[in-house]
Amino acid sequence: MCLRINGPVRRGESQMKRRTKRSGLIAEINITPFTDVVLVLLIIFMIATPFIYQSSMKVQLPQASASEEASRDIIITINAQGDVFLEDKKLDLETLKYRLRAMVKSKPDTSVIINGDKNVKYNSVIQVMDVLTRSGVKNPGLGIELKK
């Protein structure tokens, strides 16, 4: 017979202690993999968005061997037929002048990039450049495609 100081050991006592310890299950959800996936998707969309925005107007830009990187505040596109687009909306030159004037008034250091199709008439580009000058744009830029 086994004796304990507090009293005799009963046959099921040690088993009951084990059962009480097992009944307290702790369930936690680990959100670390979910957070990783969300951050990767965010990065992918941040990288892909400028390509989607730029490819919405189909123009063939002239090629050059080097260029300076410019911020893209306002993009004016001239297609092969000479139609002028401001942020993918077709405009005539007078409306373009008033819209640009309002944009430049709100932000004077706005940079403007002209994306002209390589088959557009030179006169169309000069007319748009004249509108930019009359609207108060300081340094307009011309969009190009880098030679491969």
C-alpha atoms as a PDB file:
ATOM      1  CA  MET A   1       0.000   0.000   0.000  1.00  0.00           C
ATOM      2  CA  CYS A   2       1.248   3.446  -0.952  1.00  0.00           C
ATOM      3  CA  LEU A   3       0.857   6.290   1.502  1.00  0.00           C
ATOM      4  CA  ARG A   4       0.991   9.983   0.911  1.00  0.00           C
ATOM      5  CA  ILE A   5       1.537  12.641   3.512  1.00  0.00           C
ATOM      6  CA  ASN A   6      -1.856  14.211   2.871  1.00  0.00           C
ATOM      7  CA  GLY A   7      -3.618  10.936   2.772  1.00  0.00           C
ATOM      8  CA  PRO A   8      -3.864   7.736   0.797  1.00  0.00           C
ATOM      9  CA  VAL A   9      -3.501   7.844  -3.010  1.00  0.00           C
ATOM     10  CA  ARG A  10      -6.708   6.994  -4.691  1.00  0.00           C
ATOM     11  CA  ARG A  11      -6.685   5.130  -7.871  1.00  0.00           C
ATOM     12  CA  GLY A  12      -8.239   7.743 -10.270  1.00  0.00           C
ATOM     13  CA  GLU A  13      -6.774  10.897  -8.710  1.00  0.00           C
ATOM     14  CA  SER A  14      -3.769  11.302 -11.014  1.00  0.00           C
ATOM     15  CA  GLN A  15      -5.887  10.614 -14.080  1.00  0.00           C
ATOM     16  CA  MET A  16      -8.389  13.285 -13.136  1.00  0.00           C
ATOM     17  CA  LYS A  17      -5.686  15.905 -12.858  1.00  0.00           C
ATOM     18  CA  ARG A  18      -4.538  15.132 -16.381  1.00  0.00           C
ATOM     19  CA  ARG A  19      -8.027  15.429 -17.787  1.00  0.00           C
ATOM     20  CA  THR A  20      -8.562  18.857 -16.305  1.00  0.00           C
ATOM     21  CA  LYS A  21      -5.381  20.144 -17.909  1.00  0.00           C
ATOM     22  CA  ARG A  22      -6.421  18.928 -21.378  1.00  0.00           C
ATOM     23  CA  SER A  23      -9.848  20.537 -21.339  1.00  0.00           C
ATOM     24  CA  GLY A  24      -8.503  24.098 -21.648  1.00  0.00           C
ATOM     25  CA  LEU A  25      -7.831  24.375 -25.416  1.00  0.00           C
ATOM     26  CA  ILE A  26      -6.462  27.669 -26.708  1.00  0.00           C
ATOM     27  CA  ALA A  27      -7.383  28.554 -30.300  1.00  0.00           C
ATOM     28  CA  GLU A  28      -5.582  31.445 -32.016  1.00  0.00           C
ATOM     29  CA  ILE A  29      -5.685  32.568 -35.636  1.00  0.00           C
ATOM     30  CA  ASN A  30      -2.323  33.439 -37.117  1.00  0.00           C
ATOM     31  CA  ILE A  31      -2.788  36.408 -39.492  1.00  0.00           C
ATOM     32  CA  THR A  32       0.869  36.755 -40.486  1.00  0.00           C
ATOM     33  CA  PRO A  33       0.496  34.816 -43.790  1.00  0.00           C
ATOM     34  CA  PHE A  34      -2.630  36.827 -44.621  1.00  0.00           C
ATOM     35  CA  THR A  35      -0.766  40.094 -43.976  1.00  0.00           C
ATOM     36  CA  ASP A  36       2.111  38.944 -46.193  1.00  0.00           C
ATOM     37  CA  VAL A  37      -0.245  38.160 -49.069  1.00  0.00           C
ATOM     38  CA  VAL A  38      -2.043  41.507 -48.738  1.00  0.00           C
ATOM     39  CA  LEU A  39       1.236  43.451 -48.767  1.00  0.00           C
ATOM     40  CA  VAL A  40       2.499  41.564 -51.832  1.00  0.00           C
ATOM     41  CA  LEU A  41      -0.755  42.298 -53.671  1.00  0.00           C
ATOM     42  CA  LEU A  42      -0.504  45.956 -52.704  1.00  0.00           C
ATOM     43  CA  ILE A  43       3.017  46.168 -54.129  1.00  0.00           C
ATOM     44  CA  ILE A  44       1.947  44.441 -57.353  1.00  0.00           C
ATOM     45  CA  PHE A  45      -0.941  46.878 -57.863  1.00  0.00           C
ATOM     46  CA  MET A  46       1.276  49.881 -57.096  1.00  0.00           C
ATOM     47  CA  ILE A  47       3.736  48.762 -59.768  1.00  0.00           C
ATOM     48  CA  ALA A  48       1.104  47.811 -62.364  1.00  0.00           C
ATOM     49  CA  THR A  49      -1.094  50.933 -62.106  1.00  0.00           C
ATOM     50  CA  PRO A  50       1.201  53.335 -64.039  1.00  0.00           C
ATOM     51  CA  PHE A  51       1.461  50.836 -66.898  1.00  0.00           C
ATOM     52  CA  ILE A  52      -2.304  50.508 -67.098  1.00  0.00           C
ATOM     53  CA  TYR A  53      -2.776  54.290 -67.022  1.00  0.00           C
ATOM     54  CA  GLN A  54      -0.126  54.914 -69.657  1.00  0.00           C
ATOM     55  CA  SER A  55      -1.395  52.218 -72.001  1.00  0.00           C
ATOM     56  CA  SER A  56      -4.971  53.508 -72.123  1.00  0.00           C
ATOM     57  CA  MET A  57      -4.135  55.719 -75.149  1.00  0.00           C
ATOM     58  CA  LYS A  58      -2.470  53.941 -78.043  1.00  0.00           C
ATOM     59  CA  VAL A  59       0.154  56.181 -79.610  1.00  0.00           C
ATOM     60  CA  GLN A  60       3.518  55.337 -81.109  1.00  0.00           C
ATOM     61  CA  LEU A  61       6.041  57.593 -79.418  1.00  0.00           C
ATOM     62  CA  PRO A  62       9.224  58.623 -81.229  1.00  0.00           C
ATOM     63  CA  GLN A  63      12.374  56.916 -80.013  1.00  0.00           C
ATOM     64  CA  ALA A  64      15.459  58.446 -78.422  1.00  0.00           C
ATOM     65  CA  SER A  65      18.570  56.975 -76.841  1.00  0.00           C
ATOM     66  CA  ALA A  66      18.337  58.854 -73.516  1.00  0.00           C
ATOM     67  CA  SER A  67      15.922  61.010 -71.543  1.00  0.00           C
ATOM     68  CA  GLU A  68      15.429  62.628 -68.153  1.00  0.00           C
ATOM     69  CA  GLU A  69      12.803  61.202 -65.846  1.00  0.00           C
ATOM     70  CA  ALA A  70      10.028  63.729 -65.306  1.00  0.00           C
ATOM     71  CA  SER A  71       7.153  63.678 -62.878  1.00  0.00           C
ATOM     72  CA  ARG A  72       3.848  63.064 -64.606  1.00  0.00           C
ATOM     73  CA  ASP A  73       1.501  65.711 -63.313  1.00  0.00           C
ATOM     74  CA  ILE A  74      -0.402  66.342 -66.567  1.00  0.00           C
ATOM     75  CA  ILE A  75      -0.208  64.215 -69.710  1.00  0.00           C
ATOM     76  CA  ILE A  76      -1.468  65.541 -73.043  1.00  0.00           C
ATOM     77  CA  THR A  77      -1.760  62.986 -75.844  1.00  0.00           C
ATOM     78  CA  ILE A  78      -1.938  63.710 -79.563  1.00  0.00           C
ATOM     79  CA  ASN A  79      -2.923  60.750 -81.727  1.00  0.00           C
ATOM     80  CA  ALA A  80      -1.983  60.193 -85.400  1.00  0.00           C
ATOM     81  CA  GLN A  81      -5.099  62.044 -86.606  1.00  0.00           C
ATOM     82  CA  GLY A  82      -4.158  65.157 -84.597  1.00  0.00           C
ATOM     83  CA  ASP A  83      -6.837  64.769 -81.906  1.00  0.00           C
ATOM     84  CA  VAL A  84      -5.798  66.201 -78.530  1.00  0.00           C
ATOM     85  CA  PHE A  85      -6.551  64.376 -75.263  1.00  0.00           C
ATOM     86  CA  LEU A  86      -6.104  65.661 -71.721  1.00  0.00           C
ATOM     87  CA  GLU A  87      -6.124  62.754 -69.271  1.00  0.00           C
ATOM     88  CA  ASP A  88      -7.879  60.508 -71.854  1.00  0.00           C
ATOM     89  CA  LYS A  89     -10.620  63.052 -72.633  1.00  0.00           C
ATOM     90  CA  LYS A  90     -10.769  64.495 -76.143  1.00  0.00           C
ATOM     91  CA  LEU A  91     -10.678  68.303 -76.121  1.00  0.00           C
ATOM     92  CA  ASP A  92     -10.408  71.124 -78.607  1.00  0.00           C
ATOM     93  CA  LEU A  93      -7.541  73.602 -78.209  1.00  0.00           C
ATOM     94  CA  GLU A  94      -9.639  76.362 -76.579  1.00  0.00           C
ATOM     95  CA  THR A  95     -11.015  74.029 -73.910  1.00  0.00           C
ATOM     96  CA  LEU A  96      -7.501  72.671 -73.372  1.00  0.00           C
ATOM     97  CA  LYS A  97      -6.236  76.212 -72.773  1.00  0.00           C
ATOM     98  CA  TYR A  98      -8.864  76.944 -70.094  1.00  0.00           C
ATOM     99  CA  ARG A  99      -8.400  73.602 -68.346  1.00  0.00           C
ATOM    100  CA  LEU A 100      -4.614  73.997 -68.295  1.00  0.00           C
ATOM    101  CA  ARG A 101      -4.872  77.548 -67.034  1.00  0.00           C
ATOM    102  CA  ALA A 102      -6.997  76.351 -64.083  1.00  0.00           C
ATOM    103  CA  MET A 103      -4.584  73.499 -63.340  1.00  0.00           C
ATOM    104  CA  VAL A 104      -1.520  75.750 -63.473  1.00  0.00           C
ATOM    105  CA  LYS A 105      -3.221  78.371 -61.301  1.00  0.00           C
ATOM    106  CA  SER A 106      -3.846  75.785 -58.560  1.00  0.00           C
ATOM    107  CA  LYS A 107      -0.326  74.325 -58.822  1.00  0.00           C
ATOM    108  CA  PRO A 108       2.161  76.676 -60.565  1.00  0.00           C
ATOM    109  CA  ASP A 109       5.075  74.203 -60.761  1.00  0.00           C
ATOM    110  CA  THR A 110       3.010  71.627 -62.663  1.00  0.00           C
ATOM    111  CA  SER A 111       4.922  69.692 -65.293  1.00  0.00           C
ATOM    112  CA  VAL A 112       3.204  68.846 -68.570  1.00  0.00           C
ATOM    113  CA  ILE A 113       4.243  65.993 -70.863  1.00  0.00           C
ATOM    114  CA  ILE A 114       3.094  65.859 -74.482  1.00  0.00           C
ATOM    115  CA  ASN A 115       2.828  62.326 -75.849  1.00  0.00           C
ATOM    116  CA  GLY A 116       2.562  62.808 -79.590  1.00  0.00           C
ATOM    117  CA  ASP A 117       2.249  59.909 -82.003  1.00  0.00           C
ATOM    118  CA  LYS A 118       5.315  59.643 -84.233  1.00  0.00           C
ATOM    119  CA  ASN A 119       3.060  60.028 -87.302  1.00  0.00           C
ATOM    120  CA  VAL A 120       1.329  63.206 -86.097  1.00  0.00           C
ATOM    121  CA  LYS A 121       1.819  66.391 -88.091  1.00  0.00           C
ATOM    122  CA  TYR A 122       4.384  68.764 -86.648  1.00  0.00           C
ATOM    123  CA  ASN A 123       1.838  71.588 -86.829  1.00  0.00           C
ATOM    124  CA  SER A 124      -0.433  69.812 -84.303  1.00  0.00           C
ATOM    125  CA  VAL A 125       2.392  69.582 -81.766  1.00  0.00           C
ATOM    126  CA  ILE A 126       3.290  73.257 -82.265  1.00  0.00           C
ATOM    127  CA  GLN A 127      -0.350  74.289 -81.741  1.00  0.00           C
ATOM    128  CA  VAL A 128      -0.475  72.366 -78.457  1.00  0.00           C
ATOM    129  CA  MET A 129       2.867  73.877 -77.387  1.00  0.00           C
ATOM    130  CA  ASP A 130       1.435  77.337 -78.126  1.00  0.00           C
ATOM    131  CA  VAL A 131      -1.618  76.572 -75.968  1.00  0.00           C
ATOM    132  CA  LEU A 132       0.698  75.445 -73.163  1.00  0.00           C
ATOM    133  CA  THR A 133       2.674  78.674 -73.349  1.00  0.00           C
ATOM    134  CA  ARG A 134      -0.497  80.798 -73.319  1.00  0.00           C
ATOM    135  CA  SER A 135      -1.785  78.795 -70.339  1.00  0.00           C
ATOM    136  CA  GLY A 136       1.287  79.600 -68.240  1.00  0.00           C
ATOM    137  CA  VAL A 137       3.099  76.254 -68.368  1.00  0.00           C
ATOM    138  CA  LYS A 138       6.799  76.945 -67.789  1.00  0.00           C
ATOM    139  CA  ASN A 139       8.659  73.879 -69.102  1.00  0.00           C
ATOM    140  CA  PRO A 140       6.573  71.452 -71.139  1.00  0.00           C
ATOM    141  CA  GLY A 141       8.171  68.120 -71.984  1.00  0.00           C
ATOM    142  CA  LEU A 142       7.864  65.700 -74.882  1.00  0.00           C
ATOM    143  CA  GLY A 143       7.222  62.039 -74.248  1.00  0.00           C
ATOM    144  CA  ILE A 144       9.522  59.553 -75.955  1.00  0.00           C
ATOM    145  CA  GLU A 145      10.086  55.823 -76.032  1.00  0.00           C
ATOM    146  CA  LEU A 146      13.618  54.674 -75.260  1.00  0.00           C
ATOM    147  CA  LYS A 147      15.442  52.756 -77.986  1.00  0.00           C
ATOM    148  CA  LYS A 148      16.139  49.172 -77.124  1.00  0.00           C
END
